[in-house]
Amino acid sequence: MVMGAATAVVRAIVVVAVVVEVMVVVEVVVEVVIAAAEVIVVITVAVVVEAFRFITGIGLEANRTGHYPEWHNYNSKVGIILQTPSVSTITVKDINLAHYIDSLAV
């Protein structure tokens, strides 16, 4: 009977650890500047790992659409420049990728 109780306690501790992990809130700040020929997005996160989550998500979407942004990463900040080099204005591809980036921040 004692072993059964010990097992229950261990399971309870594991469940609590998982719940605490899920409850961690990561702050994300997204700044967007729209210029004549480019959209500049700066994402600031509280945890460096979140910056890599954004880079990976954006990279997968860029690969899917064939529209690749220019980006810079330093610690918990990711700077992204959306532009279409073949034209001198913002295109639908730039706007669509900006919307996708915005959806990652939610």
N, C-alpha and C. Protein backbone atom coordinates (compact mmCIF):
# COMPACT_ATOMS: atom_id res chain seq x y z
N MET A 1 0.80 -1.19 0.00
CA MET A 1 0.00 0.00 0.00
C MET A 1 0.86 1.27 0.00
N VAL A 2 1.98 1.22 0.68
CA VAL A 2 2.87 2.38 0.75
C VAL A 2 3.45 2.70 -0.62
N MET A 3 3.80 1.70 -1.40
CA MET A 3 4.36 1.94 -2.73
C MET A 3 3.33 2.60 -3.64
N GLY A 4 2.09 2.22 -3.53
CA GLY A 4 1.03 2.84 -4.33
C GLY A 4 0.91 4.32 -4.02
N ALA A 5 0.98 4.68 -2.77
CA ALA A 5 0.89 6.08 -2.36
C ALA A 5 2.10 6.86 -2.87
N ALA A 6 3.27 6.26 -2.82
CA ALA A 6 4.48 6.93 -3.32
C ALA A 6 4.38 7.19 -4.81
N THR A 7 3.84 6.24 -5.54
CA THR A 7 3.66 6.40 -6.98
C THR A 7 2.71 7.55 -7.27
N ALA A 8 1.63 7.64 -6.50
CA ALA A 8 0.66 8.72 -6.68
C ALA A 8 1.31 10.07 -6.43
N VAL A 9 2.16 10.16 -5.42
CA VAL A 9 2.84 11.41 -5.11
C VAL A 9 3.78 11.79 -6.24
N VAL A 10 4.53 10.85 -6.75
CA VAL A 10 5.44 11.13 -7.87
C VAL A 10 4.66 11.61 -9.07
N ARG A 11 3.55 10.97 -9.40
CA ARG A 11 2.73 11.41 -10.54
C ARG A 11 2.20 12.81 -10.32
N ALA A 12 1.79 13.12 -9.10
CA ALA A 12 1.27 14.45 -8.80
C ALA A 12 2.36 15.50 -8.99
N ILE A 13 3.57 15.19 -8.59
CA ILE A 13 4.68 16.14 -8.75
C ILE A 13 4.97 16.37 -10.23
N VAL A 14 4.94 15.33 -11.03
CA VAL A 14 5.17 15.47 -12.46
C VAL A 14 4.09 16.35 -13.08
N VAL A 15 2.85 16.12 -12.72
CA VAL A 15 1.75 16.92 -13.28
C VAL A 15 1.91 18.37 -12.88
N VAL A 16 2.25 18.65 -11.65
CA VAL A 16 2.45 20.03 -11.21
C VAL A 16 3.58 20.68 -11.99
N ALA A 17 4.67 19.94 -12.23
CA ALA A 17 5.79 20.49 -12.98
C ALA A 17 5.37 20.85 -14.39
N VAL A 18 4.56 20.03 -15.01
CA VAL A 18 4.09 20.32 -16.37
C VAL A 18 3.20 21.55 -16.37
N VAL A 19 2.30 21.67 -15.41
CA VAL A 19 1.41 22.82 -15.34
C VAL A 19 2.21 24.10 -15.13
N VAL A 20 3.19 24.08 -14.27
CA VAL A 20 4.02 25.26 -14.05
C VAL A 20 4.73 25.65 -15.34
N GLU A 21 5.22 24.68 -16.10
CA GLU A 21 5.90 24.95 -17.36
C GLU A 21 4.97 25.63 -18.35
N VAL A 22 3.72 25.17 -18.43
CA VAL A 22 2.76 25.73 -19.37
C VAL A 22 2.35 27.14 -18.96
N MET A 23 2.33 27.42 -17.68
CA MET A 23 1.85 28.71 -17.19
C MET A 23 2.86 29.84 -17.36
N VAL A 24 4.07 29.55 -17.79
CA VAL A 24 5.08 30.58 -17.99
C VAL A 24 4.61 31.50 -19.12
N VAL A 25 4.55 32.77 -18.85
CA VAL A 25 4.09 33.74 -19.84
C VAL A 25 5.31 34.42 -20.46
N VAL A 26 5.39 34.39 -21.76
CA VAL A 26 6.51 35.01 -22.46
C VAL A 26 5.99 36.29 -23.10
N GLU A 27 6.62 37.40 -22.76
CA GLU A 27 6.21 38.68 -23.31
C GLU A 27 6.79 38.85 -24.70
N VAL A 28 5.94 39.25 -25.63
CA VAL A 28 6.36 39.48 -27.00
C VAL A 28 5.93 40.89 -27.40
N VAL A 29 6.86 41.67 -27.89
CA VAL A 29 6.55 43.01 -28.38
C VAL A 29 6.87 43.04 -29.86
N VAL A 30 5.88 43.42 -30.65
CA VAL A 30 6.07 43.50 -32.10
C VAL A 30 5.91 44.95 -32.53
N GLU A 31 6.94 45.48 -33.17
CA GLU A 31 6.90 46.83 -33.71
C GLU A 31 6.95 46.74 -35.23
N VAL A 32 6.10 47.50 -35.90
CA VAL A 32 6.05 47.46 -37.36
C VAL A 32 6.21 48.88 -37.90
N VAL A 33 7.12 49.04 -38.86
CA VAL A 33 7.31 50.32 -39.55
C VAL A 33 7.07 50.06 -41.03
N ILE A 34 6.15 50.80 -41.62
CA ILE A 34 5.87 50.62 -43.05
C ILE A 34 6.46 51.81 -43.79
N ALA A 35 7.39 51.54 -44.67
CA ALA A 35 8.03 52.57 -45.50
C ALA A 35 7.55 52.38 -46.94
N ALA A 36 8.03 53.20 -47.83
CA ALA A 36 7.59 53.14 -49.23
C ALA A 36 7.96 51.83 -49.90
N ALA A 37 9.13 51.29 -49.60
CA ALA A 37 9.61 50.12 -50.32
C ALA A 37 9.84 48.90 -49.43
N GLU A 38 9.51 49.01 -48.13
CA GLU A 38 9.75 47.86 -47.26
C GLU A 38 8.89 47.95 -46.00
N VAL A 39 8.70 46.80 -45.39
CA VAL A 39 8.05 46.71 -44.10
C VAL A 39 9.12 46.22 -43.13
N ILE A 40 9.31 46.95 -42.05
CA ILE A 40 10.30 46.57 -41.06
C ILE A 40 9.55 46.10 -39.81
N VAL A 41 9.86 44.89 -39.38
CA VAL A 41 9.24 44.32 -38.19
C VAL A 41 10.34 44.02 -37.18
N VAL A 42 10.16 44.50 -35.96
CA VAL A 42 11.11 44.20 -34.89
C VAL A 42 10.33 43.47 -33.79
N ILE A 43 10.80 42.26 -33.49
CA ILE A 43 10.17 41.45 -32.46
C ILE A 43 11.13 41.38 -31.28
N THR A 44 10.63 41.73 -30.10
CA THR A 44 11.42 41.64 -28.88
C THR A 44 10.72 40.66 -27.96
N VAL A 45 11.46 39.68 -27.50
CA VAL A 45 10.90 38.65 -26.62
C VAL A 45 11.69 38.63 -25.31
N ALA A 46 11.09 38.06 -24.28
CA ALA A 46 11.74 38.03 -22.97
C ALA A 46 12.77 36.92 -22.87
N VAL A 47 12.62 35.88 -23.67
CA VAL A 47 13.49 34.71 -23.59
C VAL A 47 14.11 34.48 -24.96
N VAL A 48 15.42 34.29 -25.01
CA VAL A 48 16.13 34.12 -26.27
C VAL A 48 15.58 32.95 -27.09
N VAL A 49 15.16 31.90 -26.43
CA VAL A 49 14.62 30.73 -27.14
C VAL A 49 13.40 31.12 -27.97
N GLU A 50 12.61 32.07 -27.49
CA GLU A 50 11.44 32.53 -28.25
C GLU A 50 11.86 33.22 -29.55
N ALA A 51 13.00 33.90 -29.54
CA ALA A 51 13.50 34.53 -30.76
C ALA A 51 13.74 33.47 -31.83
N PHE A 52 14.31 32.34 -31.43
CA PHE A 52 14.56 31.26 -32.38
C PHE A 52 13.26 30.60 -32.85
N ARG A 53 12.25 30.59 -31.98
CA ARG A 53 10.94 30.07 -32.40
C ARG A 53 10.38 30.95 -33.53
N PHE A 54 10.50 32.26 -33.39
CA PHE A 54 10.04 33.16 -34.44
C PHE A 54 10.83 32.96 -35.73
N ILE A 55 12.14 32.90 -35.62
CA ILE A 55 12.98 32.72 -36.81
C ILE A 55 12.62 31.43 -37.53
N THR A 56 12.43 30.35 -36.78
CA THR A 56 12.08 29.07 -37.39
C THR A 56 10.72 29.14 -38.06
N GLY A 57 9.74 29.70 -37.38
CA GLY A 57 8.39 29.81 -37.95
C GLY A 57 8.36 30.66 -39.21
N ILE A 58 9.06 31.78 -39.17
CA ILE A 58 9.11 32.67 -40.34
C ILE A 58 9.86 31.99 -41.48
N GLY A 59 10.94 31.29 -41.15
CA GLY A 59 11.71 30.58 -42.18
C GLY A 59 10.89 29.51 -42.88
N LEU A 60 10.10 28.77 -42.13
CA LEU A 60 9.24 27.75 -42.74
C LEU A 60 8.20 28.38 -43.67
N GLU A 61 7.60 29.48 -43.23
CA GLU A 61 6.60 30.16 -44.07
C GLU A 61 7.27 30.78 -45.30
N ALA A 62 8.45 31.36 -45.13
CA ALA A 62 9.18 31.94 -46.26
C ALA A 62 9.51 30.86 -47.28
N ASN A 63 9.92 29.71 -46.82
CA ASN A 63 10.23 28.60 -47.72
C ASN A 63 8.98 28.13 -48.46
N ARG A 64 7.86 28.09 -47.74
CA ARG A 64 6.60 27.64 -48.35
C ARG A 64 6.14 28.61 -49.45
N THR A 65 6.32 29.92 -49.22
CA THR A 65 5.83 30.92 -50.17
C THR A 65 6.88 31.36 -51.19
N GLY A 66 8.15 31.02 -50.93
CA GLY A 66 9.21 31.45 -51.84
C GLY A 66 9.53 32.93 -51.71
N HIS A 67 9.21 33.52 -50.58
CA HIS A 67 9.45 34.95 -50.35
C HIS A 67 10.29 35.08 -49.08
N TYR A 68 11.57 35.42 -49.24
CA TYR A 68 12.52 35.36 -48.14
C TYR A 68 12.86 36.74 -47.61
N PRO A 69 12.65 36.96 -46.31
CA PRO A 69 12.97 38.26 -45.72
C PRO A 69 14.45 38.37 -45.39
N GLU A 70 14.86 39.59 -45.16
CA GLU A 70 16.19 39.84 -44.60
C GLU A 70 15.98 39.97 -43.11
N TRP A 71 16.81 39.30 -42.31
CA TRP A 71 16.64 39.46 -40.88
C TRP A 71 17.94 39.53 -40.13
N HIS A 72 17.82 40.10 -38.94
CA HIS A 72 18.95 40.26 -38.04
C HIS A 72 18.49 39.77 -36.68
N ASN A 73 19.35 39.05 -35.99
CA ASN A 73 19.00 38.53 -34.67
C ASN A 73 20.11 38.89 -33.70
N TYR A 74 19.70 39.48 -32.59
CA TYR A 74 20.66 39.76 -31.52
C TYR A 74 19.96 39.51 -30.19
N ASN A 75 20.42 38.49 -29.48
CA ASN A 75 19.83 38.08 -28.21
C ASN A 75 18.33 37.85 -28.36
N SER A 76 17.53 38.67 -27.70
CA SER A 76 16.09 38.44 -27.70
C SER A 76 15.35 39.36 -28.67
N LYS A 77 16.07 39.91 -29.63
CA LYS A 77 15.46 40.81 -30.62
C LYS A 77 15.69 40.27 -32.02
N VAL A 78 14.61 40.25 -32.80
CA VAL A 78 14.70 39.82 -34.20
C VAL A 78 14.20 40.97 -35.06
N GLY A 79 15.05 41.44 -35.97
CA GLY A 79 14.66 42.48 -36.92
C GLY A 79 14.44 41.86 -38.28
N ILE A 80 13.30 42.16 -38.89
CA ILE A 80 12.95 41.55 -40.18
C ILE A 80 12.61 42.66 -41.17
N ILE A 81 13.22 42.60 -42.35
CA ILE A 81 12.90 43.55 -43.40
C ILE A 81 12.21 42.78 -44.52
N LEU A 82 10.98 43.17 -44.78
CA LEU A 82 10.20 42.55 -45.85
C LEU A 82 10.21 43.48 -47.04
N GLN A 83 10.72 42.98 -48.15
CA GLN A 83 10.77 43.77 -49.37
C GLN A 83 10.87 42.83 -50.56
N THR A 84 10.47 43.34 -51.70
CA THR A 84 10.59 42.58 -52.94
C THR A 84 11.62 43.30 -53.80
N PRO A 85 12.83 42.76 -53.90
CA PRO A 85 13.91 43.46 -54.60
C PRO A 85 13.61 43.78 -56.06
N SER A 86 12.77 42.99 -56.71
CA SER A 86 12.51 43.21 -58.14
C SER A 86 11.61 44.42 -58.41
N VAL A 87 10.95 44.93 -57.41
CA VAL A 87 10.11 46.13 -57.57
C VAL A 87 10.47 47.13 -56.48
N SER A 88 10.06 48.35 -56.65
CA SER A 88 10.43 49.38 -55.67
C SER A 88 9.25 49.77 -54.78
N THR A 89 8.43 48.79 -54.45
CA THR A 89 7.29 49.05 -53.58
C THR A 89 6.99 47.80 -52.77
N ILE A 90 6.12 47.93 -51.79
CA ILE A 90 5.69 46.78 -50.99
C ILE A 90 4.72 45.96 -51.83
N THR A 91 4.88 44.65 -51.78
CA THR A 91 3.99 43.77 -52.56
C THR A 91 3.06 42.99 -51.64
N VAL A 92 2.14 42.28 -52.25
CA VAL A 92 1.21 41.43 -51.50
C VAL A 92 1.97 40.36 -50.72
N LYS A 93 3.06 39.86 -51.29
CA LYS A 93 3.87 38.87 -50.58
C LYS A 93 4.44 39.44 -49.28
N ASP A 94 4.87 40.70 -49.32
CA ASP A 94 5.38 41.35 -48.10
C ASP A 94 4.29 41.46 -47.04
N ILE A 95 3.12 41.91 -47.46
CA ILE A 95 2.00 42.08 -46.54
C ILE A 95 1.56 40.73 -45.97
N ASN A 96 1.48 39.71 -46.82
CA ASN A 96 1.08 38.39 -46.35
C ASN A 96 2.06 37.83 -45.32
N LEU A 97 3.35 38.01 -45.58
CA LEU A 97 4.35 37.53 -44.62
C LEU A 97 4.29 38.35 -43.33
N ALA A 98 4.01 39.64 -43.42
CA ALA A 98 3.85 40.47 -42.22
C ALA A 98 2.67 39.97 -41.39
N HIS A 99 1.57 39.62 -42.04
CA HIS A 99 0.41 39.08 -41.32
C HIS A 99 0.77 37.75 -40.65
N TYR A 100 1.52 36.92 -41.34
CA TYR A 100 1.93 35.65 -40.77
C TYR A 100 2.81 35.88 -39.54
N ILE A 101 3.75 36.81 -39.64
CA ILE A 101 4.62 37.13 -38.50
C ILE A 101 3.79 37.60 -37.32
N ASP A 102 2.81 38.44 -37.59
CA ASP A 102 1.93 38.93 -36.56
C ASP A 102 1.18 37.77 -35.88
N SER A 103 0.77 36.79 -36.67
CA SER A 103 0.03 35.65 -36.10
C SER A 103 0.91 34.81 -35.18
N LEU A 104 2.22 34.80 -35.40
CA LEU A 104 3.13 34.06 -34.53
C LEU A 104 3.24 34.68 -33.15
N ALA A 105 2.99 35.98 -33.05
CA ALA A 105 3.14 36.69 -31.80
C ALA A 105 1.96 36.47 -30.87
N VAL A 106 0.93 35.88 -31.36
CA VAL A 106 -0.27 35.68 -30.53
C VAL A 106 -0.12 34.47 -29.67
